[in-house]
Protein backbone atom coordinates (compact mmCIF):
# COMPACT_ATOMS: atom_id res chain seq x y z
CA UNK A 1 -105.51 75.02 101.62
CA UNK A 2 -103.18 77.74 99.35
CA UNK A 3 -100.13 78.57 99.07
CA UNK A 4 -98.36 82.10 101.13
CA UNK A 5 -96.28 83.47 98.80
CA UNK A 6 -93.77 85.96 100.08
CA UNK A 7 -92.17 88.59 97.22
CA UNK A 8 -94.51 86.92 95.07
CA UNK A 9 -92.54 83.68 94.62
CA UNK A 10 -91.38 82.96 97.83
CA UNK A 11 -93.38 79.62 99.08
CA UNK A 12 -93.41 80.96 102.78
CA UNK A 13 -95.71 78.75 104.62
CA UNK A 14 -99.64 78.36 103.58
CA UNK A 15 -103.27 79.62 104.04
CA UNK A 16 -105.97 76.76 105.19
CA UNK A 17 -109.59 77.70 105.11
CA UNK A 18 -112.65 76.16 107.04
CA UNK A 19 -115.86 76.14 108.42
CA UNK A 20 -118.33 74.10 110.82
CA UNK A 21 -121.97 75.56 111.39
CA UNK A 22 -121.42 78.34 113.01
CA UNK A 23 -117.69 79.48 112.10
CA UNK A 24 -115.07 80.09 109.61
CA UNK A 25 -111.44 79.07 110.21
CA UNK A 26 -108.33 81.17 108.24
CA UNK A 27 -105.21 79.88 109.48
CA UNK A 28 -101.48 81.19 108.69
CA UNK A 29 -98.86 78.76 108.67
CA UNK A 30 -95.33 79.57 107.65
CA UNK A 31 -92.49 77.36 106.70
CA UNK A 32 -88.81 77.40 105.65
CA UNK A 33 -88.25 79.73 108.63
CA UNK A 34 -90.62 82.71 108.27
CA UNK A 35 -92.45 84.19 111.02
CA UNK A 36 -95.66 86.16 110.69
CA UNK A 37 -95.23 89.47 111.72
CA UNK A 38 -98.53 90.98 111.03
CA UNK A 39 -101.70 89.34 109.19
CA UNK A 40 -104.25 91.01 107.25
CA UNK A 41 -108.22 89.54 106.64
CA UNK A 42 -110.60 90.21 104.52
CA UNK A 43 -114.04 88.15 104.00
CA UNK A 44 -116.93 89.01 101.22
CA UNK A 45 -119.73 87.42 99.48
CA UNK A 46 -118.36 89.33 96.00
CA UNK A 47 -114.95 91.05 94.97
CA UNK A 48 -116.34 94.05 95.60
CA UNK A 49 -116.94 93.77 98.64
CA UNK A 50 -113.21 93.80 99.49
CA UNK A 51 -111.72 97.24 100.29
CA UNK A 52 -109.86 98.58 97.12
CA UNK A 53 -108.39 101.51 95.40
CA UNK A 54 -110.24 102.99 92.39
CA UNK A 55 -107.66 100.95 90.58
CA UNK A 56 -108.98 97.83 92.04
CA UNK A 57 -106.30 97.05 93.90
CA UNK A 58 -106.95 95.70 98.00
CA UNK A 59 -106.52 98.56 100.82
CA UNK A 60 -105.38 96.33 103.73
CA UNK A 61 -105.46 98.63 106.25
CA UNK A 62 -109.58 98.50 106.04
CA UNK A 63 -109.10 94.75 106.31
CA UNK A 64 -111.84 93.25 108.81
CA UNK A 65 -109.58 91.77 110.91
CA UNK A 66 -105.98 92.82 111.50
CA UNK A 67 -103.16 91.55 114.01
CA UNK A 68 -99.66 93.05 114.41
CA UNK A 69 -97.80 89.53 115.92
CA UNK A 70 -95.23 90.84 118.64
CA UNK A 71 -93.31 88.47 118.83
CA UNK A 72 -93.36 86.58 115.59
CA UNK A 73 -95.19 83.45 115.67
CA UNK A 74 -95.18 80.88 112.94
CA UNK A 75 -99.35 80.03 112.95
CA UNK A 76 -102.47 82.19 113.46
CA UNK A 77 -105.84 81.32 113.56
CA UNK A 78 -108.88 83.74 112.53
CA UNK A 79 -111.88 82.67 113.54
CA UNK A 80 -114.98 84.45 112.14
CA UNK A 81 -118.87 84.16 113.35
CA UNK A 82 -121.19 82.90 110.09
CA UNK A 83 -123.56 85.43 111.08
CA UNK A 84 -120.99 88.02 110.58
CA UNK A 85 -120.57 86.69 107.43
CA UNK A 86 -124.53 85.28 106.54
CA UNK A 87 -123.42 83.23 103.55
CA UNK A 88 -126.13 80.92 101.31
CA UNK A 89 -125.57 77.44 101.99
CA UNK A 90 -122.95 76.03 99.37
CA UNK A 91 -121.95 79.89 98.53
CA UNK A 92 -118.59 81.20 97.95
CA UNK A 93 -117.11 83.20 99.70
CA UNK A 94 -114.16 85.96 98.76
CA UNK A 95 -111.22 85.93 100.41
CA UNK A 96 -108.04 88.30 100.77
CA UNK A 97 -105.11 87.19 102.91
CA UNK A 98 -102.12 89.02 103.35
CA UNK A 99 -99.41 89.13 105.72
CA UNK A 100 -95.86 90.46 106.22
CA UNK A 101 -93.02 87.64 107.13
CA UNK A 102 -89.61 87.80 108.28
CA UNK A 103 -86.92 85.55 108.72
CA UNK A 104 -83.63 85.56 110.84
CA UNK A 105 -80.57 84.23 111.27
CA UNK A 106 -78.53 82.05 114.02
CA UNK A 107 -77.70 85.39 115.75
CA UNK A 108 -81.10 86.33 116.17
CA UNK A 109 -80.40 89.38 113.13
CA UNK A 110 -83.22 90.00 110.89
CA UNK A 111 -82.22 88.64 106.86
CA UNK A 112 -85.39 89.22 105.54
CA UNK A 113 -88.91 91.26 105.49
CA UNK A 114 -91.44 90.35 102.76
CA UNK A 115 -95.24 91.04 102.15
CA UNK A 116 -96.82 87.57 101.71
CA UNK A 117 -100.09 86.94 99.71
CA UNK A 118 -102.42 83.64 100.32
CA UNK A 119 -102.20 82.54 96.38
CA UNK A 120 -105.18 82.90 93.86
CA UNK A 121 -106.07 85.94 91.13
CA UNK A 122 -105.14 88.97 90.76
CA UNK A 123 -106.97 91.94 91.94
CA UNK A 124 -105.45 94.13 88.64
CA UNK A 125 -103.55 92.69 85.76
CA UNK A 126 -100.57 94.94 86.16
CA UNK A 127 -98.71 96.59 89.09
CA UNK A 128 -99.46 94.90 92.03
CA UNK A 129 -99.12 91.24 92.70
CA UNK A 130 -102.21 90.90 95.64
CA UNK A 131 -104.51 88.25 95.67
CA UNK A 132 -107.51 86.42 96.36
CA UNK A 133 -109.18 83.00 96.28
CA UNK A 134 -112.48 81.31 97.04
CA UNK A 135 -113.66 79.10 99.53
CA UNK A 136 -117.05 77.17 98.94
CA UNK A 137 -118.98 77.06 102.75
CA UNK A 138 -119.82 73.69 103.73
CA UNK A 139 -123.03 72.54 105.58
CA UNK A 140 -122.89 70.16 108.28
CA UNK A 141 -124.52 67.32 105.89
CA UNK A 142 -120.71 68.23 104.00
CA UNK A 143 -122.87 69.27 100.98
CA UNK A 144 -119.89 71.46 98.73
CA UNK A 145 -119.13 72.44 95.65
CA UNK A 146 -115.46 73.10 95.07
CA UNK A 147 -113.83 73.14 92.02
CA UNK A 148 -117.06 72.53 89.65
CA UNK A 149 -117.12 68.53 90.90
CA UNK A 150 -119.26 68.41 94.17
CA UNK A 151 -117.85 67.13 97.06
CA UNK A 152 -119.07 65.59 100.37
CA UNK A 153 -117.29 66.11 103.68
CA UNK A 154 -116.45 62.78 105.67
CA UNK A 155 -115.19 61.05 108.63
CA UNK A 156 -114.58 57.53 109.71
CA UNK A 157 -116.69 56.23 111.77
CA UNK A 158 -115.71 53.34 114.59
CA UNK A 159 -119.21 52.06 115.70
CA UNK A 160 -119.27 51.31 119.45
CA UNK A 161 -115.43 53.53 120.09
CA UNK A 162 -117.06 56.68 118.16
CA UNK A 163 -118.58 59.65 119.76
CA UNK A 164 -120.52 62.00 117.55
CA UNK A 165 -119.17 65.44 117.83
CA UNK A 166 -122.34 66.97 118.71
CA UNK A 167 -122.26 64.72 121.75
CA UNK A 168 -118.87 66.22 123.69
CA UNK A 169 -118.91 68.84 125.84
CA UNK A 170 -117.71 72.21 123.73
CA UNK A 171 -120.83 73.22 121.47
CA UNK A 172 -119.54 71.76 118.57
CA UNK A 173 -121.69 71.85 115.46
CA UNK A 174 -119.52 70.60 113.02
CA UNK A 175 -120.34 66.89 112.47
CA UNK A 176 -118.56 63.74 112.66
CA UNK A 177 -116.76 61.39 114.85
CA UNK A 178 -113.97 60.83 117.45
CA UNK A 179 -112.94 56.87 118.10
CA UNK A 180 -111.75 55.60 121.01
CA UNK A 181 -109.86 54.87 123.20
CA UNK A 182 -108.06 52.37 121.37
CA UNK A 183 -105.37 49.91 122.37
CA UNK A 184 -102.91 48.75 120.20
CA UNK A 185 -104.15 46.50 117.47
CA UNK A 186 -105.56 46.07 114.45
CA UNK A 187 -109.06 48.05 113.42
CA UNK A 188 -111.48 49.15 110.24
CA UNK A 189 -113.77 51.56 110.74
CA UNK A 190 -116.38 52.49 107.89
CA UNK A 191 -115.91 56.30 106.13
CA UNK A 192 -119.13 57.83 105.83
CA UNK A 193 -119.89 61.00 104.16
CA UNK A 194 -122.27 63.67 104.34
CA UNK A 195 -123.43 61.98 107.54
CA UNK A 196 -125.85 65.13 108.30
CA UNK A 197 -126.20 65.61 112.25
CA UNK A 198 -123.66 62.39 112.23
CA UNK A 199 -127.11 60.56 111.27
CA UNK A 200 -125.96 57.36 108.86
CA UNK A 201 -128.81 57.00 107.22
CA UNK A 202 -127.78 60.38 105.55
CA UNK A 203 -124.82 59.61 104.87
CA UNK A 204 -123.35 57.44 102.08
CA UNK A 205 -120.78 54.39 102.71
CA UNK A 206 -117.52 56.02 100.73
CA UNK A 207 -114.50 53.36 102.06
CA UNK A 208 -113.01 52.25 105.21
CA UNK A 209 -110.32 53.27 107.31
CA UNK A 210 -107.49 50.56 108.20
CA UNK A 211 -105.40 51.43 111.52
CA UNK A 212 -102.60 49.09 112.48
CA UNK A 213 -101.32 50.40 115.90
CA UNK A 214 -98.40 48.70 117.72
CA UNK A 215 -95.55 49.56 119.97
CA UNK A 216 -95.11 53.88 119.45
CA UNK A 217 -96.41 53.38 115.95
CA UNK A 218 -99.72 53.88 113.92
CA UNK A 219 -99.88 53.39 110.72
CA UNK A 220 -103.49 54.55 109.17
CA UNK A 221 -104.64 53.82 105.50
CA UNK A 222 -107.89 55.37 104.02
CA UNK A 223 -109.28 53.34 101.23
CA UNK A 224 -112.32 54.13 98.78
CA UNK A 225 -114.22 52.76 96.53
CA UNK A 226 -115.14 54.06 92.59
CA UNK A 227 -116.91 56.43 91.79
CA UNK A 228 -115.28 58.42 94.72
CA UNK A 229 -112.06 59.62 95.19
CA UNK A 230 -109.72 61.48 97.79
CA UNK A 231 -109.00 64.91 97.67
CA UNK A 232 -108.14 66.01 100.84
CA UNK A 233 -107.25 64.43 104.11
CA UNK A 234 -107.02 65.51 107.79
CA UNK A 235 -106.17 63.11 110.58
CA UNK A 236 -105.44 63.57 114.51
CA UNK A 237 -104.16 60.58 117.11
CA UNK A 238 -103.66 61.69 120.41
CA UNK A 239 -104.07 61.05 123.72
CA UNK A 240 -106.75 63.33 123.92
CA UNK A 241 -110.32 62.96 122.64
CA UNK A 242 -109.75 65.69 120.32
CA UNK A 243 -107.40 67.53 119.31
CA UNK A 244 -106.17 71.12 120.60
CA UNK A 245 -105.93 74.82 119.29
CA UNK A 246 -104.50 77.61 121.45
CA UNK A 247 -105.01 75.06 124.44
CA UNK A 248 -109.00 74.70 123.44
CA UNK A 249 -110.44 71.70 121.50
CA UNK A 250 -111.35 71.39 117.86
CA UNK A 251 -112.98 69.68 115.53
CA UNK A 252 -112.20 71.87 112.15
CA UNK A 253 -110.28 69.90 109.86
CA UNK A 254 -108.54 72.02 109.08
CA UNK A 255 -106.54 72.64 112.67
CA UNK A 256 -105.85 68.94 112.57
CA UNK A 257 -102.04 68.34 113.19
CA UNK A 258 -101.39 65.84 109.71
CA UNK A 259 -102.98 67.25 106.58
CA UNK A 260 -102.66 65.75 102.86
CA UNK A 261 -104.34 67.70 100.56
CA UNK A 262 -104.50 68.18 96.68
CA UNK A 263 -104.85 64.53 96.04
CA UNK A 264 -106.18 64.50 93.26
CA UNK A 265 -109.13 62.15 93.75
CA UNK A 266 -106.75 59.61 94.77
CA UNK A 267 -108.28 55.89 95.95
CA UNK A 268 -106.15 55.60 98.96
CA UNK A 269 -104.04 57.42 101.05
CA UNK A 270 -101.70 56.52 103.86
CA UNK A 271 -99.83 58.02 107.02
CA UNK A 272 -97.74 56.71 109.50
CA UNK A 273 -97.87 57.89 112.88
CA UNK A 274 -95.28 57.87 115.69
CA UNK A 275 -94.21 58.85 119.33
CA UNK A 276 -97.60 57.30 120.71
CA UNK A 277 -98.35 55.55 123.59
CA UNK A 278 -101.57 53.86 126.07
CA UNK A 279 -104.61 53.94 124.98
CA UNK A 280 -105.60 56.65 121.85
CA UNK A 281 -108.28 58.92 119.60
CA UNK A 282 -108.49 58.96 116.49
CA UNK A 283 -110.20 61.68 114.51
CA UNK A 284 -110.00 60.94 110.41
CA UNK A 285 -111.60 63.07 107.31
CA UNK A 286 -111.67 63.80 104.24
CA UNK A 287 -112.73 65.43 101.40
CA UNK A 288 -114.33 62.72 98.83
CA UNK A 289 -115.56 64.08 95.21
CA UNK A 290 -117.60 62.03 92.98
CA UNK A 291 -120.88 62.83 93.86
């Protein structure tokens, strides 16, 4: 997840990138009252693959993916087939994500209109402040190399109440589990990293997930053991078997409703989720370093 900067310095939201075996998901999400008026996206296997002028400035009009949002929206996701990108496993993609963001006052009058870029490295040292960033393609077994240290993708496994994503109708290719239905009570699940095809023998037990569901509230705590650490956590709790995005079930962690990122190799992380009732399902994902 990177910040979506408007007018170079204004935090107007974020851009999140995730992938499964078949697709790349790039989500623009605004904050602080900003709305998306336009979005433009280009993904390449090298910086040279981003359309640029002779001076090196990005040519937004030539980006592969672009949408005018009328009416404006707070969130928009591009879903790109891996076959259209052809990245090698563990290879890095170069992503340029541009937006036009607007803001209205209480009377409905537009009071701000800014160009936005997802934070990263600048295309040129002088002039345009346009930026690009990198995404390391994560394979289904979770392997990846982000930020110079190897990470694995991990999910909580609830034993008899766990259902592998691969066994759910919807042609999901990502490996992981949804856990439930769970009634009120206290639960403890193992967290496995790198369990390709949901095969525990291929995974590494990195910690535990504790769930305390009482009344309308659930407290969920991730705990990992050394040498492992949490760099991100993504959590879904609800009455449906999976979270939804635009009316369709999704298993992409970047589209889960609650996210903590930039955890800096934390040993623990916790959520308190309210407004719950009846039997619930839980999907708990983490990115774990220390491998």
